[in-house]
């Protein structure tokens, strides 16, 4: 297990799982939406948010407003 820190300050615990088939995916930060990891191989990763930055309420509001704007424009 590895700790991954997003640029917003959120900290995730990353767990690596070996697969028999290839997997291509990416993980976005739950708070700010930034891509924190991507992979393409016979592995898969899972993430658990273990620490939020002090300003996480502001980040959640910003992310929600971005999602709302995207949803309304479609």
C-alpha atoms as a PDB file:
ATOM      1  CA  UNK A   1       0.000   0.000   0.000  1.00  0.00           C
ATOM      2  CA  UNK A   2       1.140   3.483  -0.881  1.00  0.00           C
ATOM      3  CA  UNK A   3       0.005   6.939   0.199  1.00  0.00           C
ATOM      4  CA  UNK A   4      -0.857   9.295  -2.672  1.00  0.00           C
ATOM      5  CA  UNK A   5      -1.319  13.030  -2.106  1.00  0.00           C
ATOM      6  CA  UNK A   6      -3.360  15.126  -4.529  1.00  0.00           C
ATOM      7  CA  UNK A   7      -2.275  18.701  -5.272  1.00  0.00           C
ATOM      8  CA  UNK A   8      -5.331  19.878  -3.262  1.00  0.00           C
ATOM      9  CA  UNK A   9      -3.958  18.152  -0.162  1.00  0.00           C
ATOM     10  CA  UNK A  10      -6.248  15.113  -0.044  1.00  0.00           C
ATOM     11  CA  UNK A  11      -4.386  11.943   0.931  1.00  0.00           C
ATOM     12  CA  UNK A  12      -5.369   8.525  -0.398  1.00  0.00           C
ATOM     13  CA  UNK A  13      -4.274   5.009   0.448  1.00  0.00           C
ATOM     14  CA  UNK A  14      -3.553   3.228  -2.834  1.00  0.00           C
ATOM     15  CA  UNK A  15      -3.897  -0.546  -3.067  1.00  0.00           C
ATOM     16  CA  UNK A  16      -2.547  -2.442  -6.087  1.00  0.00           C
ATOM     17  CA  UNK A  17      -4.388  -5.516  -7.364  1.00  0.00           C
ATOM     18  CA  UNK A  18      -2.865  -7.843  -9.959  1.00  0.00           C
ATOM     19  CA  UNK A  19      -5.197  -8.959 -12.749  1.00  0.00           C
ATOM     20  CA  UNK A  20      -5.087 -11.685 -15.358  1.00  0.00           C
ATOM     21  CA  UNK A  21      -6.413  -9.245 -17.962  1.00  0.00           C
ATOM     22  CA  UNK A  22      -5.325  -5.753 -18.958  1.00  0.00           C
ATOM     23  CA  UNK A  23      -7.130  -2.797 -17.371  1.00  0.00           C
ATOM     24  CA  UNK A  24      -6.977   0.841 -18.462  1.00  0.00           C
ATOM     25  CA  UNK A  25      -8.479   3.418 -16.141  1.00  0.00           C
ATOM     26  CA  UNK A  26      -7.796   6.488 -14.025  1.00  0.00           C
ATOM     27  CA  UNK A  27      -8.745   7.793 -10.606  1.00  0.00           C
ATOM     28  CA  UNK A  28      -9.968  11.319  -9.938  1.00  0.00           C
ATOM     29  CA  UNK A  29      -9.683  13.074  -6.593  1.00  0.00           C
ATOM     30  CA  UNK A  30     -13.045  12.976  -4.795  1.00  0.00           C
ATOM     31  CA  UNK A  31     -12.575  16.560  -3.633  1.00  0.00           C
ATOM     32  CA  UNK A  32     -11.165  18.540  -6.574  1.00  0.00           C
ATOM     33  CA  UNK A  33     -11.598  16.198  -9.560  1.00  0.00           C
ATOM     34  CA  UNK A  34      -7.924  16.168 -10.572  1.00  0.00           C
ATOM     35  CA  UNK A  35      -6.543  12.906 -11.991  1.00  0.00           C
ATOM     36  CA  UNK A  36      -4.380  11.429  -9.248  1.00  0.00           C
ATOM     37  CA  UNK A  37      -3.451   8.198 -11.025  1.00  0.00           C
ATOM     38  CA  UNK A  38      -3.856   6.368 -14.315  1.00  0.00           C
ATOM     39  CA  UNK A  39      -2.817   2.901 -15.410  1.00  0.00           C
ATOM     40  CA  UNK A  40      -2.774   0.592 -18.412  1.00  0.00           C
ATOM     41  CA  UNK A  41      -1.734  -2.968 -17.661  1.00  0.00           C
ATOM     42  CA  UNK A  42      -2.514  -6.176 -15.818  1.00  0.00           C
ATOM     43  CA  UNK A  43      -3.135  -4.237 -12.609  1.00  0.00           C
ATOM     44  CA  UNK A  44      -5.930  -2.268 -11.012  1.00  0.00           C
ATOM     45  CA  UNK A  45      -5.732   0.234  -8.180  1.00  0.00           C
ATOM     46  CA  UNK A  46      -8.256   1.116  -5.500  1.00  0.00           C
ATOM     47  CA  UNK A  47      -8.141   4.248  -3.384  1.00  0.00           C
ATOM     48  CA  UNK A  48      -9.376   5.143   0.067  1.00  0.00           C
ATOM     49  CA  UNK A  49      -9.536   8.788   1.118  1.00  0.00           C
ATOM     50  CA  UNK A  50      -7.728   8.893   4.467  1.00  0.00           C
ATOM     51  CA  UNK A  51      -7.152  12.614   4.999  1.00  0.00           C
ATOM     52  CA  UNK A  52      -8.893  15.772   3.823  1.00  0.00           C
ATOM     53  CA  UNK A  53      -7.215  19.177   3.560  1.00  0.00           C
ATOM     54  CA  UNK A  54      -8.418  21.879   5.935  1.00  0.00           C
ATOM     55  CA  UNK A  55     -10.176  23.723   3.093  1.00  0.00           C
ATOM     56  CA  UNK A  56     -12.023  20.623   1.832  1.00  0.00           C
ATOM     57  CA  UNK A  57     -15.446  22.277   2.190  1.00  0.00           C
ATOM     58  CA  UNK A  58     -14.362  24.966  -0.285  1.00  0.00           C
ATOM     59  CA  UNK A  59     -13.064  22.284  -2.651  1.00  0.00           C
ATOM     60  CA  UNK A  60     -16.342  20.346  -2.514  1.00  0.00           C
ATOM     61  CA  UNK A  61     -18.300  23.503  -3.359  1.00  0.00           C
ATOM     62  CA  UNK A  62     -15.971  24.295  -6.267  1.00  0.00           C
ATOM     63  CA  UNK A  63     -16.210  20.768  -7.649  1.00  0.00           C
ATOM     64  CA  UNK A  64     -19.999  20.801  -7.304  1.00  0.00           C
ATOM     65  CA  UNK A  65     -20.272  24.120  -9.155  1.00  0.00           C
ATOM     66  CA  UNK A  66     -18.088  22.758 -11.987  1.00  0.00           C
ATOM     67  CA  UNK A  67     -20.233  19.629 -12.287  1.00  0.00           C
ATOM     68  CA  UNK A  68     -23.400  21.742 -12.243  1.00  0.00           C
ATOM     69  CA  UNK A  69     -22.056  23.937 -15.062  1.00  0.00           C
ATOM     70  CA  UNK A  70     -21.114  20.914 -17.195  1.00  0.00           C
ATOM     71  CA  UNK A  71     -24.479  19.255 -16.571  1.00  0.00           C
ATOM     72  CA  UNK A  72     -26.436  22.383 -17.478  1.00  0.00           C
ATOM     73  CA  UNK A  73     -24.476  22.949 -20.707  1.00  0.00           C
ATOM     74  CA  UNK A  74     -25.257  19.434 -21.995  1.00  0.00           C
END
